[in-house]
Amino acid sequence: MTEYYFDIETEGTDPLVDKIVTIQFQELDGGKPVGDFHVLKEWEEGEKKIVERILDEGILDPSWTFVPIGNNLRFDIVFVMEKAQQYGLREWSAGEVRYFFYRKAMIDIRSVLVLMNGGKFKGSGLDAFTGKQKGVQVPIWYRERKYDEIMSYIETEKQETIALYREVASLLETFGQRKRKRVEEPEA
């Protein structure tokens, strides 16, 4: 299994009208970054090209060669799927989309954040549990061409996401090692 930190930044929340601003990924080994941190930038290559490049990496292949790890991955992956379809790079039927989500290996820490927040979705963002700021500035920085601010935000978000992932993985590994007592039912 090849794990990758994966995330995107967008102009908004609607893949039919909003652009993907960046796509970023980095290989992980046991939750530790290895190799280069790749940031595909719309302002350098155009949106179609960065979507095409991430497809070439295997993000949408239901295989174990690119296992994304991140926060709110469903949003990111659906956005990439919609853009790939818009640009004619790949098409999916509803059945293929369902099949993809049943088969694609991924680790999304979003559910863990909700549990850490007492089961409440509101207030369970990554910013509530790490040093990451909210991403609401990214579309503004993009429109103002403040690309250095976007890059700084992306780097901080990556570091904070990976650190939280490693901490949670360590805690859950310990939790998973506990023995459960089996309650045997009496024979009828």
Protein backbone atom coordinates (compact mmCIF):
# COMPACT_ATOMS: atom_id res chain seq x y z
CA MET A 1 0.00 0.00 0.00
CA THR A 2 1.40 3.38 -1.00
CA GLU A 3 0.00 6.14 1.19
CA TYR A 4 -0.10 9.76 0.09
CA TYR A 5 -1.06 12.92 1.89
CA PHE A 6 -3.64 14.42 -0.49
CA ASP A 7 -5.54 17.69 -0.57
CA ILE A 8 -6.89 20.31 -2.93
CA GLU A 9 -7.68 24.00 -2.62
CA THR A 10 -10.59 25.48 -4.54
CA GLU A 11 -12.28 28.80 -5.31
CA GLY A 12 -15.46 27.56 -3.67
CA THR A 13 -17.54 24.47 -2.95
CA ASP A 14 -19.27 23.86 -6.30
CA PRO A 15 -17.19 21.84 -8.79
CA LEU A 16 -19.53 22.86 -11.60
CA VAL A 17 -18.53 26.53 -11.37
CA ASP A 18 -15.53 26.85 -9.01
CA LYS A 19 -11.93 26.13 -10.00
CA ILE A 20 -9.42 23.84 -8.40
CA VAL A 21 -6.63 26.22 -7.39
CA THR A 22 -4.07 23.62 -6.26
CA ILE A 23 -3.71 19.88 -5.91
CA GLN A 24 -1.07 18.72 -3.45
CA PHE A 25 0.28 15.32 -2.50
CA GLN A 26 3.26 13.67 -0.87
CA GLU A 27 4.14 10.05 -0.34
CA LEU A 28 4.07 8.85 3.26
CA ASP A 29 5.81 5.93 4.92
CA GLY A 30 4.16 5.04 8.20
CA GLY A 31 2.71 8.54 8.32
CA LYS A 32 6.11 10.18 7.75
CA PRO A 33 6.64 12.27 4.60
CA VAL A 34 9.09 10.86 2.07
CA GLY A 35 10.18 12.31 -1.22
CA ASP A 36 9.03 15.59 -2.67
CA PHE A 37 5.92 17.54 -1.73
CA HIS A 38 4.11 18.12 -5.03
CA VAL A 39 1.89 21.17 -5.47
CA LEU A 40 0.14 21.38 -8.82
CA LYS A 41 -0.82 25.02 -9.36
CA GLU A 42 -3.67 26.20 -11.56
CA TRP A 43 -2.00 29.59 -12.02
CA GLU A 44 1.06 27.91 -13.60
CA GLU A 45 -0.43 25.09 -15.67
CA GLY A 46 -4.17 25.64 -15.89
CA GLU A 47 -6.88 23.62 -14.21
CA LYS A 48 -7.25 20.97 -16.92
CA LYS A 49 -3.53 20.15 -16.83
CA ILE A 50 -3.33 19.77 -13.03
CA VAL A 51 -6.39 17.51 -13.07
CA GLU A 52 -4.83 15.46 -15.83
CA ARG A 53 -1.57 15.17 -13.87
CA ILE A 54 -3.29 13.92 -10.70
CA LEU A 55 -5.24 11.39 -12.75
CA ASP A 56 -1.91 10.14 -14.11
CA GLU A 57 -0.74 9.65 -10.50
CA GLY A 58 -3.65 7.23 -9.95
CA ILE A 59 -5.82 9.17 -7.51
CA LEU A 60 -8.99 7.87 -9.17
CA ASP A 61 -7.86 4.30 -9.72
CA PRO A 62 -9.49 1.87 -7.28
CA SER A 63 -6.11 0.33 -6.50
CA TRP A 64 -3.59 0.31 -3.66
CA THR A 65 -0.95 2.30 -5.54
CA PHE A 66 -2.22 5.75 -4.47
CA VAL A 67 -4.01 5.58 -1.13
CA PRO A 68 -4.98 9.14 -0.18
CA ILE A 69 -4.79 10.25 3.44
CA GLY A 70 -6.33 13.56 4.39
CA ASN A 71 -9.28 15.46 5.74
CA ASN A 72 -12.68 15.51 4.02
CA LEU A 73 -11.40 13.42 1.12
CA ARG A 74 -14.83 12.81 -0.36
CA PHE A 75 -15.08 16.55 -1.15
CA ASP A 76 -11.62 16.57 -2.76
CA ILE A 77 -12.11 13.41 -4.79
CA VAL A 78 -15.61 14.33 -6.01
CA PHE A 79 -14.25 17.73 -7.07
CA VAL A 80 -11.47 16.06 -9.08
CA MET A 81 -13.97 13.58 -10.58
CA GLU A 82 -16.31 16.38 -11.67
CA LYS A 83 -13.46 18.37 -13.21
CA ALA A 84 -12.09 15.31 -15.01
CA GLN A 85 -15.53 14.73 -16.48
CA GLN A 86 -15.97 18.41 -17.45
CA TYR A 87 -12.67 18.35 -19.35
CA GLY A 88 -13.43 15.01 -21.04
CA LEU A 89 -10.50 13.34 -19.30
CA ARG A 90 -12.61 10.60 -17.77
CA GLU A 91 -16.31 9.78 -17.51
CA TRP A 92 -18.17 7.76 -14.91
CA SER A 93 -21.61 6.29 -14.71
CA ALA A 94 -23.43 6.46 -11.37
CA GLY A 95 -22.62 2.77 -10.87
CA GLU A 96 -18.92 3.39 -11.47
CA VAL A 97 -18.90 6.22 -8.94
CA ARG A 98 -20.51 3.98 -6.33
CA TYR A 99 -18.09 1.19 -7.19
CA PHE A 100 -15.17 3.61 -6.85
CA PHE A 101 -16.17 4.71 -3.35
CA TYR A 102 -16.68 1.10 -2.23
CA ARG A 103 -13.34 -0.03 -3.64
CA LYS A 104 -10.98 2.93 -3.30
CA ALA A 105 -8.71 2.59 -0.29
CA MET A 106 -8.42 5.90 1.56
CA ILE A 107 -7.99 7.16 5.10
CA ASP A 108 -10.08 10.22 5.91
CA ILE A 109 -9.56 11.79 9.33
CA ARG A 110 -12.81 13.77 9.04
CA SER A 111 -14.78 11.18 11.02
CA VAL A 112 -12.16 11.16 13.76
CA LEU A 113 -12.40 14.95 14.05
CA VAL A 114 -16.19 14.69 14.48
CA LEU A 115 -15.70 12.10 17.25
CA MET A 116 -13.05 14.28 18.89
CA ASN A 117 -15.66 17.06 18.87
CA GLY A 118 -18.16 15.01 20.86
CA GLY A 119 -19.95 13.72 17.76
CA LYS A 120 -20.79 17.22 16.51
CA PHE A 121 -19.98 18.26 12.96
CA LYS A 122 -20.08 21.99 13.69
CA GLY A 123 -16.73 23.01 15.10
CA SER A 124 -14.97 19.81 14.02
CA GLY A 125 -12.71 21.31 11.37
CA LEU A 126 -9.01 20.63 11.28
CA ASP A 127 -8.44 24.21 12.46
CA ALA A 128 -10.19 23.39 15.77
CA PHE A 129 -7.62 20.71 16.68
CA THR A 130 -4.39 21.97 15.09
CA GLY A 131 -2.46 25.16 14.35
CA LYS A 132 -4.00 25.36 10.87
CA GLN A 133 -6.12 28.39 10.07
CA LYS A 134 -9.45 28.19 8.24
CA GLY A 135 -9.17 28.03 4.47
CA VAL A 136 -11.66 30.81 3.74
CA GLN A 137 -8.81 33.12 2.71
CA VAL A 138 -7.58 30.87 -0.12
CA PRO A 139 -10.14 32.05 -2.73
CA ILE A 140 -9.43 35.67 -1.78
CA TRP A 141 -5.66 35.17 -2.04
CA TYR A 142 -6.19 33.43 -5.38
CA ARG A 143 -8.23 36.31 -6.82
CA GLU A 144 -5.64 38.78 -5.48
CA ARG A 145 -2.80 36.63 -6.92
CA LYS A 146 -1.21 36.22 -3.48
CA TYR A 147 0.24 32.85 -4.35
CA ASP A 148 2.91 32.94 -1.64
CA GLU A 149 0.16 33.12 1.00
CA ILE A 150 -1.57 30.13 -0.59
CA MET A 151 1.68 28.16 -0.61
CA SER A 152 2.36 28.99 3.05
CA TYR A 153 -1.17 27.94 4.00
CA ILE A 154 -0.80 24.67 2.06
CA GLU A 155 2.50 23.82 3.76
CA THR A 156 1.08 24.48 7.23
CA GLU A 157 -2.06 22.48 6.45
CA LYS A 158 0.04 19.53 5.26
CA GLN A 159 2.24 19.56 8.36
CA GLU A 160 -0.73 19.84 10.73
CA THR A 161 -2.75 17.14 8.95
CA ILE A 162 0.12 14.67 8.93
CA ALA A 163 0.98 15.38 12.58
CA LEU A 164 -2.63 14.83 13.65
CA TYR A 165 -2.90 11.69 11.50
CA ARG A 166 0.22 10.23 13.11
CA GLU A 167 -1.03 11.06 16.62
CA VAL A 168 -4.47 9.57 16.01
CA ALA A 169 -2.98 6.48 14.33
CA SER A 170 -0.74 5.90 17.33
CA LEU A 171 -3.63 6.25 19.79
CA LEU A 172 -5.91 3.99 17.77
CA GLU A 173 -3.20 1.36 17.39
CA THR A 174 -2.91 1.21 21.17
CA PHE A 175 -6.69 1.19 21.50
CA GLY A 176 -6.92 -1.58 18.92
CA GLN A 177 -4.56 -3.82 20.91
CA ARG A 178 -6.90 -4.12 23.85
CA LYS A 179 -8.48 -7.48 24.36
CA ARG A 180 -12.22 -7.79 24.23
CA LYS A 181 -13.90 -10.14 26.60
CA ARG A 182 -16.08 -12.58 24.81
CA VAL A 183 -19.45 -13.16 26.23
CA GLU A 184 -20.43 -16.68 25.46
CA GLU A 185 -24.06 -17.30 24.94
CA PRO A 186 -25.52 -20.32 26.64
CA GLU A 187 -26.25 -23.23 24.38
CA ALA A 188 -29.89 -23.74 23.59
